[in-house]
Amino acid sequence: MLDLGSFRASGGFLAEILNQQTGTDHYDYIEFYMGTIWVAQRADLTPVYRMIFRRLHRRRLDWNYHFPRLYAVDLRPLKKTLDEKQEPDWLNYSPSEALAKEQEDKEQDKPLAEMRESLEEGYREAVEEALKGPPPSTVRAYEAVYGRLPRGWPPVP
């Protein structure tokens, strides 16, 4: 399995490989950028997707569909780890500071939980709405080439 990441990361990976193969610095991620948000409303990209899937299929590669989804990430544990000094926990321990920090964390946990629930509700609604219509053009192009729907389609609300 190969996960190239985001559209930008995928484009960067392809540009880096070609630059290595050609011994130049000619290619940039934008030349392989697969983000279609600006073009998709103006042109039918299904033929392009079919071409990509034909090439993948010839190489016996596959594709997993992932319905777009947003997550809220709590970076406080990372910040705490980065801020930690190499001293033992007990050296400068203050019960009142620890209690205040615990209270502050609880106050931040509530809006984070609400945000996560809101994102989850939005995801479920978006999936339900998407299932009312035809599959996205990428999924239809995949099906035309592979003769089946990709793993991940239809998404589960």
N, C-alpha and C. Protein backbone atom coordinates (compact mmCIF):
# COMPACT_ATOMS: atom_id res chain seq x y z
N MET A 1 0.85 -1.17 0.00
CA MET A 1 0.00 0.00 0.00
C MET A 1 0.89 1.23 0.00
N LEU A 2 0.50 2.21 -0.76
CA LEU A 2 1.25 3.45 -0.86
C LEU A 2 0.30 4.61 -0.63
N ASP A 3 0.61 5.43 0.34
CA ASP A 3 -0.20 6.61 0.63
C ASP A 3 0.67 7.83 0.37
N LEU A 4 0.34 8.57 -0.66
CA LEU A 4 1.12 9.75 -1.01
C LEU A 4 0.66 10.99 -0.25
N GLY A 5 -0.37 10.85 0.55
CA GLY A 5 -0.83 11.97 1.35
C GLY A 5 -1.75 12.90 0.58
N SER A 6 -1.64 14.17 0.89
CA SER A 6 -2.51 15.19 0.28
C SER A 6 -2.19 15.37 -1.19
N PHE A 7 -3.02 16.13 -1.88
CA PHE A 7 -2.76 16.44 -3.29
C PHE A 7 -1.39 17.10 -3.44
N ARG A 8 -1.09 18.04 -2.55
CA ARG A 8 0.18 18.76 -2.62
C ARG A 8 1.35 17.80 -2.36
N ALA A 9 1.22 16.96 -1.34
CA ALA A 9 2.29 16.00 -1.03
C ALA A 9 2.48 15.01 -2.18
N SER A 10 1.38 14.56 -2.78
CA SER A 10 1.48 13.64 -3.91
C SER A 10 2.20 14.30 -5.08
N GLY A 11 1.84 15.53 -5.38
CA GLY A 11 2.50 16.26 -6.46
C GLY A 11 3.98 16.45 -6.17
N GLY A 12 4.30 16.75 -4.91
CA GLY A 12 5.70 16.92 -4.52
C GLY A 12 6.48 15.63 -4.65
N PHE A 13 5.85 14.52 -4.28
CA PHE A 13 6.51 13.21 -4.39
C PHE A 13 6.82 12.90 -5.85
N LEU A 14 5.84 13.10 -6.73
CA LEU A 14 6.05 12.83 -8.15
C LEU A 14 7.12 13.75 -8.75
N ALA A 15 7.10 15.02 -8.37
CA ALA A 15 8.11 15.96 -8.87
C ALA A 15 9.50 15.54 -8.39
N GLU A 16 9.61 15.14 -7.15
CA GLU A 16 10.91 14.73 -6.60
C GLU A 16 11.45 13.50 -7.33
N ILE A 17 10.59 12.52 -7.59
CA ILE A 17 11.01 11.31 -8.30
C ILE A 17 11.51 11.67 -9.70
N LEU A 18 10.74 12.48 -10.42
CA LEU A 18 11.16 12.87 -11.78
C LEU A 18 12.44 13.69 -11.77
N ASN A 19 12.57 14.58 -10.81
CA ASN A 19 13.80 15.37 -10.72
C ASN A 19 15.01 14.46 -10.46
N GLN A 20 14.83 13.43 -9.63
CA GLN A 20 15.91 12.48 -9.38
C GLN A 20 16.24 11.69 -10.64
N GLN A 21 15.19 11.25 -11.35
CA GLN A 21 15.40 10.44 -12.55
C GLN A 21 16.05 11.24 -13.68
N THR A 22 15.72 12.51 -13.78
CA THR A 22 16.25 13.33 -14.87
C THR A 22 17.50 14.10 -14.46
N GLY A 23 17.82 14.10 -13.18
CA GLY A 23 18.99 14.82 -12.70
C GLY A 23 18.85 16.33 -12.82
N THR A 24 17.60 16.80 -12.80
CA THR A 24 17.34 18.24 -12.91
C THR A 24 16.53 18.70 -11.72
N ASP A 25 16.24 19.98 -11.70
CA ASP A 25 15.36 20.57 -10.70
C ASP A 25 14.18 21.23 -11.41
N HIS A 26 13.74 20.61 -12.49
CA HIS A 26 12.75 21.19 -13.38
C HIS A 26 11.32 21.14 -12.81
N TYR A 27 10.96 20.05 -12.14
CA TYR A 27 9.57 19.83 -11.76
C TYR A 27 9.28 20.34 -10.35
N ASP A 28 8.05 20.82 -10.18
CA ASP A 28 7.56 21.30 -8.90
C ASP A 28 6.23 20.59 -8.64
N TYR A 29 5.79 20.60 -7.38
CA TYR A 29 4.56 19.89 -7.03
C TYR A 29 3.36 20.35 -7.87
N ILE A 30 3.31 21.61 -8.22
CA ILE A 30 2.14 22.16 -8.90
C ILE A 30 1.90 21.51 -10.26
N GLU A 31 2.95 20.97 -10.86
CA GLU A 31 2.80 20.33 -12.17
C GLU A 31 2.05 19.00 -12.07
N PHE A 32 1.95 18.47 -10.88
CA PHE A 32 1.27 17.19 -10.68
C PHE A 32 0.14 17.31 -9.67
N TYR A 33 -0.19 18.52 -9.31
CA TYR A 33 -1.21 18.77 -8.30
C TYR A 33 -2.57 18.25 -8.78
N MET A 34 -3.17 17.39 -7.99
CA MET A 34 -4.44 16.77 -8.40
C MET A 34 -5.66 17.46 -7.79
N GLY A 35 -5.44 18.54 -7.07
CA GLY A 35 -6.57 19.27 -6.52
C GLY A 35 -7.39 19.87 -7.65
N THR A 36 -8.66 19.56 -7.67
CA THR A 36 -9.48 19.96 -8.82
C THR A 36 -10.58 20.94 -8.46
N ILE A 37 -10.53 21.51 -7.28
CA ILE A 37 -11.63 22.34 -6.83
C ILE A 37 -11.90 23.51 -7.78
N TRP A 38 -10.85 24.10 -8.36
CA TRP A 38 -11.06 25.27 -9.23
C TRP A 38 -11.42 24.88 -10.65
N VAL A 39 -11.00 23.69 -11.07
CA VAL A 39 -11.23 23.26 -12.45
C VAL A 39 -12.53 22.46 -12.57
N ALA A 40 -12.87 21.73 -11.54
CA ALA A 40 -13.99 20.78 -11.62
C ALA A 40 -15.31 21.43 -12.02
N GLN A 41 -15.52 22.68 -11.62
CA GLN A 41 -16.78 23.34 -11.99
C GLN A 41 -16.78 23.79 -13.45
N ARG A 42 -15.61 23.87 -14.08
CA ARG A 42 -15.51 24.37 -15.44
C ARG A 42 -15.30 23.29 -16.48
N ALA A 43 -14.89 22.10 -16.05
CA ALA A 43 -14.59 21.04 -17.02
C ALA A 43 -14.89 19.68 -16.41
N ASP A 44 -15.24 18.74 -17.26
CA ASP A 44 -15.45 17.36 -16.82
C ASP A 44 -14.10 16.66 -16.83
N LEU A 45 -13.62 16.31 -15.66
CA LEU A 45 -12.31 15.69 -15.54
C LEU A 45 -12.35 14.17 -15.57
N THR A 46 -13.52 13.59 -15.82
CA THR A 46 -13.65 12.14 -15.85
C THR A 46 -12.66 11.47 -16.80
N PRO A 47 -12.43 12.00 -18.02
CA PRO A 47 -11.44 11.36 -18.90
C PRO A 47 -10.03 11.35 -18.29
N VAL A 48 -9.68 12.39 -17.59
CA VAL A 48 -8.37 12.44 -16.94
C VAL A 48 -8.30 11.38 -15.85
N TYR A 49 -9.35 11.27 -15.04
CA TYR A 49 -9.38 10.26 -13.98
C TYR A 49 -9.31 8.85 -14.57
N ARG A 50 -10.03 8.61 -15.68
CA ARG A 50 -9.97 7.28 -16.32
C ARG A 50 -8.54 6.97 -16.79
N MET A 51 -7.87 7.97 -17.36
CA MET A 51 -6.49 7.78 -17.81
C MET A 51 -5.60 7.39 -16.62
N ILE A 52 -5.75 8.09 -15.53
CA ILE A 52 -4.95 7.79 -14.34
C ILE A 52 -5.24 6.39 -13.84
N PHE A 53 -6.52 6.02 -13.80
CA PHE A 53 -6.87 4.68 -13.30
C PHE A 53 -6.42 3.58 -14.27
N ARG A 54 -6.45 3.85 -15.56
CA ARG A 54 -5.93 2.86 -16.52
C ARG A 54 -4.45 2.59 -16.26
N ARG A 55 -3.72 3.66 -16.01
CA ARG A 55 -2.28 3.51 -15.74
C ARG A 55 -2.05 2.76 -14.43
N LEU A 56 -2.83 3.07 -13.42
CA LEU A 56 -2.71 2.33 -12.16
C LEU A 56 -3.05 0.86 -12.35
N HIS A 57 -4.13 0.62 -13.09
CA HIS A 57 -4.60 -0.75 -13.31
C HIS A 57 -3.56 -1.58 -14.06
N ARG A 58 -2.93 -0.98 -15.07
CA ARG A 58 -1.89 -1.70 -15.83
C ARG A 58 -0.73 -2.11 -14.93
N ARG A 59 -0.48 -1.34 -13.91
CA ARG A 59 0.62 -1.64 -12.98
C ARG A 59 0.14 -2.47 -11.79
N ARG A 60 -1.09 -2.94 -11.89
CA ARG A 60 -1.72 -3.76 -10.83
C ARG A 60 -1.79 -3.01 -9.50
N LEU A 61 -2.01 -1.71 -9.58
CA LEU A 61 -2.18 -0.89 -8.39
C LEU A 61 -3.66 -0.64 -8.18
N ASP A 62 -4.02 -0.28 -6.98
CA ASP A 62 -5.42 -0.05 -6.66
C ASP A 62 -5.56 1.29 -5.95
N TRP A 63 -6.79 1.68 -5.69
CA TRP A 63 -7.09 2.96 -5.08
C TRP A 63 -8.19 2.76 -4.05
N ASN A 64 -8.03 3.35 -2.89
CA ASN A 64 -9.07 3.34 -1.87
C ASN A 64 -9.69 4.73 -1.81
N TYR A 65 -11.00 4.80 -1.88
CA TYR A 65 -11.70 6.07 -1.80
C TYR A 65 -11.86 6.46 -0.34
N HIS A 66 -11.62 7.73 -0.04
CA HIS A 66 -11.85 8.27 1.30
C HIS A 66 -12.73 9.50 1.15
N PHE A 67 -13.89 9.45 1.76
CA PHE A 67 -14.79 10.60 1.73
C PHE A 67 -14.11 11.74 2.49
N PRO A 68 -14.15 12.97 1.96
CA PRO A 68 -13.49 14.10 2.64
C PRO A 68 -14.02 14.27 4.06
N ARG A 69 -13.10 14.50 4.97
CA ARG A 69 -13.48 14.59 6.38
C ARG A 69 -12.51 15.51 7.11
N LEU A 70 -13.05 16.29 8.03
CA LEU A 70 -12.23 17.18 8.86
C LEU A 70 -12.21 16.64 10.29
N TYR A 71 -11.07 16.81 10.94
CA TYR A 71 -10.92 16.41 12.34
C TYR A 71 -10.38 17.60 13.13
N ALA A 72 -10.70 17.65 14.40
CA ALA A 72 -10.11 18.63 15.31
C ALA A 72 -9.05 17.89 16.12
N VAL A 73 -7.86 18.40 16.08
CA VAL A 73 -6.73 17.75 16.75
C VAL A 73 -6.33 18.57 17.97
N ASP A 74 -6.15 17.91 19.08
CA ASP A 74 -5.71 18.55 20.30
C ASP A 74 -4.19 18.46 20.37
N LEU A 75 -3.52 19.59 20.21
CA LEU A 75 -2.07 19.62 20.22
C LEU A 75 -1.48 19.91 21.59
N ARG A 76 -2.33 20.02 22.60
CA ARG A 76 -1.82 20.31 23.94
C ARG A 76 -0.82 19.26 24.43
N PRO A 77 -1.09 17.96 24.24
CA PRO A 77 -0.09 16.97 24.71
C PRO A 77 1.27 17.14 24.02
N LEU A 78 1.26 17.47 22.74
CA LEU A 78 2.52 17.70 22.03
C LEU A 78 3.23 18.92 22.59
N LYS A 79 2.47 20.00 22.79
CA LYS A 79 3.07 21.21 23.35
C LYS A 79 3.65 20.93 24.73
N LYS A 80 2.93 20.18 25.54
CA LYS A 80 3.42 19.85 26.88
C LYS A 80 4.73 19.07 26.79
N THR A 81 4.80 18.13 25.89
CA THR A 81 6.02 17.33 25.72
C THR A 81 7.17 18.21 25.26
N LEU A 82 6.91 19.11 24.32
CA LEU A 82 7.96 19.99 23.82
C LEU A 82 8.43 20.98 24.88
N ASP A 83 7.50 21.38 25.74
CA ASP A 83 7.84 22.36 26.77
C ASP A 83 8.51 21.75 28.00
N GLU A 84 8.39 20.43 28.16
CA GLU A 84 8.92 19.78 29.36
C GLU A 84 10.42 19.95 29.48
N LYS A 85 10.83 20.18 30.68
CA LYS A 85 12.26 20.25 30.97
C LYS A 85 12.71 18.85 31.37
N GLN A 86 13.97 18.63 31.39
CA GLN A 86 14.51 17.31 31.71
C GLN A 86 14.65 17.09 33.22
N GLU A 87 13.85 17.79 33.99
CA GLU A 87 13.89 17.65 35.43
C GLU A 87 12.83 16.65 35.89
N PRO A 88 13.02 16.03 37.02
CA PRO A 88 11.98 15.13 37.55
C PRO A 88 10.69 15.90 37.84
N ASP A 89 9.54 15.23 37.69
CA ASP A 89 8.24 15.87 37.91
C ASP A 89 8.11 16.49 39.31
N TRP A 90 8.67 15.85 40.28
CA TRP A 90 8.47 16.28 41.67
C TRP A 90 9.34 17.48 42.05
N LEU A 91 10.36 17.80 41.25
CA LEU A 91 11.34 18.81 41.65
C LEU A 91 10.71 20.17 41.93
N ASN A 92 9.93 20.68 41.02
CA ASN A 92 9.29 21.99 41.21
C ASN A 92 7.76 21.87 41.24
N TYR A 93 7.28 20.75 41.77
CA TYR A 93 5.84 20.50 41.79
C TYR A 93 5.13 21.48 42.73
N SER A 94 4.04 22.03 42.21
CA SER A 94 3.20 22.92 43.01
C SER A 94 1.77 22.42 42.89
N PRO A 95 1.18 21.97 44.00
CA PRO A 95 -0.20 21.48 43.94
C PRO A 95 -1.18 22.52 43.38
N SER A 96 -1.01 23.77 43.78
CA SER A 96 -1.95 24.79 43.30
C SER A 96 -1.78 25.03 41.79
N GLU A 97 -0.54 25.00 41.29
CA GLU A 97 -0.32 25.14 39.85
C GLU A 97 -0.88 23.93 39.09
N ALA A 98 -0.70 22.76 39.64
CA ALA A 98 -1.20 21.54 39.00
C ALA A 98 -2.72 21.56 38.94
N LEU A 99 -3.36 22.00 40.02
CA LEU A 99 -4.82 22.09 40.06
C LEU A 99 -5.32 23.14 39.06
N ALA A 100 -4.64 24.27 38.99
CA ALA A 100 -5.03 25.32 38.04
C ALA A 100 -4.89 24.82 36.60
N LYS A 101 -3.81 24.09 36.31
CA LYS A 101 -3.59 23.54 34.97
C LYS A 101 -4.68 22.52 34.63
N GLU A 102 -5.03 21.69 35.60
CA GLU A 102 -6.08 20.69 35.38
C GLU A 102 -7.42 21.37 35.09
N GLN A 103 -7.72 22.45 35.81
CA GLN A 103 -8.96 23.21 35.59
C GLN A 103 -8.95 23.85 34.21
N GLU A 104 -7.81 24.42 33.82
CA GLU A 104 -7.68 25.04 32.50
C GLU A 104 -7.90 24.01 31.39
N ASP A 105 -7.33 22.82 31.56
CA ASP A 105 -7.52 21.74 30.58
C ASP A 105 -8.99 21.36 30.45
N LYS A 106 -9.67 21.26 31.59
CA LYS A 106 -11.10 20.91 31.56
C LYS A 106 -11.91 21.96 30.82
N GLU A 107 -11.55 23.23 31.02
CA GLU A 107 -12.26 24.31 30.34
C GLU A 107 -12.02 24.27 28.83
N GLN A 108 -10.84 23.81 28.42
CA GLN A 108 -10.55 23.70 26.99
C GLN A 108 -11.11 22.41 26.39
N ASP A 109 -11.32 21.39 27.21
CA ASP A 109 -11.85 20.12 26.72
C ASP A 109 -13.29 20.25 26.21
N LYS A 110 -14.09 21.05 26.89
CA LYS A 110 -15.51 21.17 26.51
C LYS A 110 -15.68 21.73 25.10
N PRO A 111 -15.08 22.88 24.76
CA PRO A 111 -15.25 23.39 23.38
C PRO A 111 -14.65 22.45 22.34
N LEU A 112 -13.56 21.76 22.69
CA LEU A 112 -12.96 20.81 21.77
C LEU A 112 -13.93 19.66 21.50
N ALA A 113 -14.55 19.15 22.55
CA ALA A 113 -15.53 18.07 22.38
C ALA A 113 -16.72 18.54 21.55
N GLU A 114 -17.16 19.76 21.77
CA GLU A 114 -18.28 20.32 20.98
C GLU A 114 -17.88 20.45 19.51
N MET A 115 -16.66 20.91 19.27
CA MET A 115 -16.17 21.06 17.89
C MET A 115 -16.10 19.69 17.21
N ARG A 116 -15.60 18.70 17.92
CA ARG A 116 -15.50 17.35 17.35
C ARG A 116 -16.89 16.80 17.04
N GLU A 117 -17.84 17.02 17.92
CA GLU A 117 -19.20 16.53 17.67
C GLU A 117 -19.81 17.26 16.48
N SER A 118 -19.57 18.56 16.37
CA SER A 118 -20.07 19.33 15.23
C SER A 118 -19.47 18.83 13.92
N LEU A 119 -18.17 18.56 13.92
CA LEU A 119 -17.52 18.04 12.71
C LEU A 119 -18.07 16.66 12.36
N GLU A 120 -18.31 15.83 13.36
CA GLU A 120 -18.85 14.49 13.13
C GLU A 120 -20.27 14.58 12.56
N GLU A 121 -21.07 15.48 13.09
CA GLU A 121 -22.43 15.68 12.58
C GLU A 121 -22.39 16.18 11.14
N GLY A 122 -21.50 17.12 10.86
CA GLY A 122 -21.34 17.62 9.49
C GLY A 122 -20.91 16.54 8.53
N TYR A 123 -20.02 15.67 8.99
CA TYR A 123 -19.57 14.55 8.16
C TYR A 123 -20.75 13.62 7.84
N ARG A 124 -21.50 13.25 8.86
CA ARG A 124 -22.66 12.35 8.63
C ARG A 124 -23.64 12.97 7.65
N GLU A 125 -23.92 14.26 7.80
CA GLU A 125 -24.84 14.94 6.89
C GLU A 125 -24.29 14.98 5.47
N ALA A 126 -23.00 15.24 5.33
CA ALA A 126 -22.39 15.30 4.00
C ALA A 126 -22.43 13.93 3.32
N VAL A 127 -22.18 12.87 4.08
CA VAL A 127 -22.23 11.52 3.51
C VAL A 127 -23.65 11.20 3.06
N GLU A 128 -24.63 11.48 3.92
CA GLU A 128 -26.02 11.21 3.56
C GLU A 128 -26.43 11.98 2.31
N GLU A 129 -25.99 13.22 2.20
CA GLU A 129 -26.30 14.03 1.02
C GLU A 129 -25.62 13.46 -0.22
N ALA A 130 -24.37 13.04 -0.08
CA ALA A 130 -23.62 12.49 -1.22
C ALA A 130 -24.25 11.20 -1.72
N LEU A 131 -24.82 10.43 -0.83
CA LEU A 131 -25.41 9.15 -1.22
C LEU A 131 -26.74 9.32 -1.97
N LYS A 132 -27.30 10.51 -1.94
CA LYS A 132 -28.55 10.77 -2.66
C LYS A 132 -28.33 10.92 -4.16
N GLY A 133 -27.11 11.27 -4.54
CA GLY A 133 -26.81 11.49 -5.95
C GLY A 133 -25.87 10.44 -6.50
N PRO A 134 -25.41 10.66 -7.72
CA PRO A 134 -24.45 9.72 -8.31
C PRO A 134 -23.10 9.82 -7.59
N PRO A 135 -22.29 8.78 -7.67
CA PRO A 135 -20.95 8.84 -7.06
C PRO A 135 -20.13 9.95 -7.71
N PRO A 136 -19.09 10.40 -7.02
CA PRO A 136 -18.20 11.41 -7.61
C PRO A 136 -17.57 10.91 -8.90
N SER A 137 -17.12 11.83 -9.73
CA SER A 137 -16.55 11.44 -11.02
C SER A 137 -15.32 10.55 -10.86
N THR A 138 -14.56 10.72 -9.79
CA THR A 138 -13.41 9.84 -9.57
C THR A 138 -13.87 8.40 -9.37
N VAL A 139 -14.93 8.22 -8.62
CA VAL A 139 -15.46 6.87 -8.35
C VAL A 139 -16.03 6.27 -9.64
N ARG A 140 -16.75 7.07 -10.42
CA ARG A 140 -17.30 6.57 -11.67
C ARG A 140 -16.20 6.18 -12.65
N ALA A 141 -15.13 6.99 -12.70
CA ALA A 141 -14.00 6.68 -13.59
C ALA A 141 -13.32 5.39 -13.14
N TYR A 142 -13.15 5.22 -11.86
CA TYR A 142 -12.54 4.01 -11.31
C TYR A 142 -13.37 2.79 -11.71
N GLU A 143 -14.68 2.90 -11.51
CA GLU A 143 -15.58 1.79 -11.83
C GLU A 143 -15.52 1.43 -13.32
N ALA A 144 -15.41 2.45 -14.17
CA ALA A 144 -15.33 2.20 -15.62
C ALA A 144 -14.07 1.42 -15.97
N VAL A 145 -12.99 1.64 -15.26
CA VAL A 145 -11.72 0.97 -15.56
C VAL A 145 -11.62 -0.39 -14.86
N TYR A 146 -11.96 -0.44 -13.60
CA TYR A 146 -11.76 -1.65 -12.80
C TYR A 146 -12.98 -2.59 -12.82
N GLY A 147 -14.12 -2.07 -13.26
CA GLY A 147 -15.32 -2.90 -13.32
C GLY A 147 -15.98 -3.12 -11.97
N ARG A 148 -15.59 -2.35 -10.99
CA ARG A 148 -16.19 -2.44 -9.66
C ARG A 148 -15.98 -1.10 -8.95
N LEU A 149 -16.69 -0.92 -7.87
CA LEU A 149 -16.50 0.29 -7.07
C LEU A 149 -15.24 0.17 -6.23
N PRO A 150 -14.57 1.28 -5.95
CA PRO A 150 -13.37 1.21 -5.12
C PRO A 150 -13.72 0.92 -3.65
N ARG A 151 -12.77 0.35 -2.93
CA ARG A 151 -12.95 0.20 -1.50
C ARG A 151 -13.16 1.58 -0.91
N GLY A 152 -14.10 1.72 -0.01
CA GLY A 152 -14.41 3.02 0.59
C GLY A 152 -15.63 3.69 0.01
N TRP A 153 -16.12 3.15 -1.11
CA TRP A 153 -17.37 3.69 -1.67
C TRP A 153 -18.40 2.58 -1.69
N PRO A 154 -19.58 2.82 -1.20
CA PRO A 154 -20.08 4.07 -0.65
C PRO A 154 -19.55 4.29 0.77
N PRO A 155 -19.40 5.55 1.14
CA PRO A 155 -18.95 5.84 2.51
C PRO A 155 -20.05 5.51 3.52
N VAL A 156 -19.65 5.29 4.73
CA VAL A 156 -20.60 4.97 5.79
C VAL A 156 -20.80 6.20 6.64
N PRO A 157 -22.09 6.63 6.79
CA PRO A 157 -22.35 7.83 7.62
C PRO A 157 -22.05 7.60 9.10
